[in-house]
C-alpha cells in the first residue's frame, strides 16, 4: 500500500516582527583606528575613514527613505529594503 505525501503550498516569507537592526562591517581598515557608529536600529563598525563614512551615509539615507515611505525596519519586505539600500548607496 503506497501513501502519497500531501503537498502543502509554500507560504510567502513574512517580514520578521519584533526588534530589527542593520549591521554594517567595513573590512578595509589599515590605519589602526577603531570606528564605531551606533543608532537606535543600527551599528556600523570598522572600515577605512572613507568606507565608514559611506556606510554612515547609506544608513542615514536608508532610514530617511523608510520614513518617507511610512515603513518601519521591522515590517519592510527584505527585497524592498535591499532596493532602498541600493538606491541610498553613494556612487
Protein backbone atom coordinates (compact mmCIF):
# COMPACT_ATOMS: atom_id res chain seq x y z
CA UNK A 1 0.00 0.00 0.00
CA UNK A 2 1.56 3.30 -1.04
CA UNK A 3 0.84 6.56 0.66
CA UNK A 4 1.09 9.85 -1.13
CA UNK A 5 2.59 12.80 0.63
CA UNK A 6 0.15 15.63 0.85
CA UNK A 7 1.55 18.75 -0.79
CA UNK A 8 1.17 21.95 1.14
CA UNK A 9 1.55 25.17 -0.82
CA UNK A 10 4.56 27.22 0.22
CA UNK A 11 3.72 30.33 2.20
CA UNK A 12 5.36 33.57 1.20
CA UNK A 13 8.05 34.67 3.62
CA UNK A 14 6.78 37.17 6.16
CA UNK A 15 8.99 40.02 7.26
CA UNK A 16 10.23 39.44 10.79
CA UNK A 17 8.35 41.19 13.53
CA UNK A 18 9.93 42.48 16.68
CA UNK A 19 13.37 44.01 17.10
CA UNK A 20 15.30 44.58 13.90
CA UNK A 21 18.51 46.33 13.08
CA UNK A 22 21.15 46.86 10.46
CA UNK A 23 24.78 45.88 10.90
CA UNK A 24 27.49 47.36 8.70
CA UNK A 25 31.03 45.98 8.79
CA UNK A 26 33.95 47.58 6.97
CA UNK A 27 36.97 45.35 6.40
CA UNK A 28 39.42 47.69 4.67
CA UNK A 29 40.91 49.46 7.70
CA UNK A 30 44.70 49.73 7.58
CA UNK A 31 45.27 52.79 9.80
CA UNK A 32 44.55 51.15 13.17
CA UNK A 33 41.60 53.39 14.07
CA UNK A 34 38.58 51.72 15.62
CA UNK A 35 35.49 53.24 14.06
CA UNK A 36 32.06 52.57 15.58
CA UNK A 37 28.83 54.40 14.83
CA UNK A 38 25.60 53.38 16.54
CA UNK A 39 21.99 54.41 16.30
CA UNK A 40 18.67 53.18 17.59
CA UNK A 41 18.44 50.49 14.90
CA UNK A 42 21.95 50.17 13.51
CA UNK A 43 25.59 49.52 14.32
CA UNK A 44 28.44 50.29 11.92
CA UNK A 45 31.93 49.04 12.74
CA UNK A 46 35.33 49.17 11.12
CA UNK A 47 36.43 50.23 7.69
CA UNK A 48 38.68 52.98 6.48
CA UNK A 49 37.56 56.56 7.08
CA UNK A 50 36.08 56.64 3.55
CA UNK A 51 34.28 53.29 3.89
CA UNK A 52 32.88 54.12 7.31
CA UNK A 53 31.59 57.47 6.01
CA UNK A 54 29.90 55.70 3.06
CA UNK A 55 28.27 53.17 5.40
CA UNK A 56 27.04 56.02 7.60
CA UNK A 57 25.64 57.99 4.66
CA UNK A 58 23.94 54.90 3.23
CA UNK A 59 22.37 54.06 6.59
CA UNK A 60 21.06 57.60 7.17
CA UNK A 61 19.58 57.76 3.66
CA UNK A 62 18.03 54.29 4.09
CA UNK A 63 16.20 55.32 7.26
CA UNK A 64 15.11 58.61 5.63
CA UNK A 65 13.63 56.66 2.70
CA UNK A 66 11.87 54.23 5.04
CA UNK A 67 10.35 57.20 6.86
CA UNK A 68 9.31 58.81 3.55
CA UNK A 69 7.58 55.55 2.58
CA UNK A 70 5.99 55.34 6.04
CA UNK A 71 7.63 51.93 6.65
CA UNK A 72 9.41 50.50 9.65
CA UNK A 73 12.53 48.37 9.50
CA UNK A 74 10.71 45.60 11.38
CA UNK A 75 7.99 45.32 8.77
CA UNK A 76 9.58 46.18 5.43
CA UNK A 77 9.94 43.33 2.93
CA UNK A 78 13.61 42.24 2.65
CA UNK A 79 13.58 42.75 -1.13
CA UNK A 80 12.21 46.27 -0.74
CA UNK A 81 14.84 47.00 1.92
CA UNK A 82 17.60 45.79 -0.42
CA UNK A 83 16.27 48.10 -3.15
CA UNK A 84 16.19 51.05 -0.72
CA UNK A 85 19.74 50.36 0.47
CA UNK A 86 20.98 50.07 -3.11
CA UNK A 87 19.29 53.37 -4.00
CA UNK A 88 20.77 55.02 -0.87
CA UNK A 89 24.36 53.90 -1.50
CA UNK A 90 26.61 56.76 -2.69
CA UNK A 91 28.18 56.10 -6.08
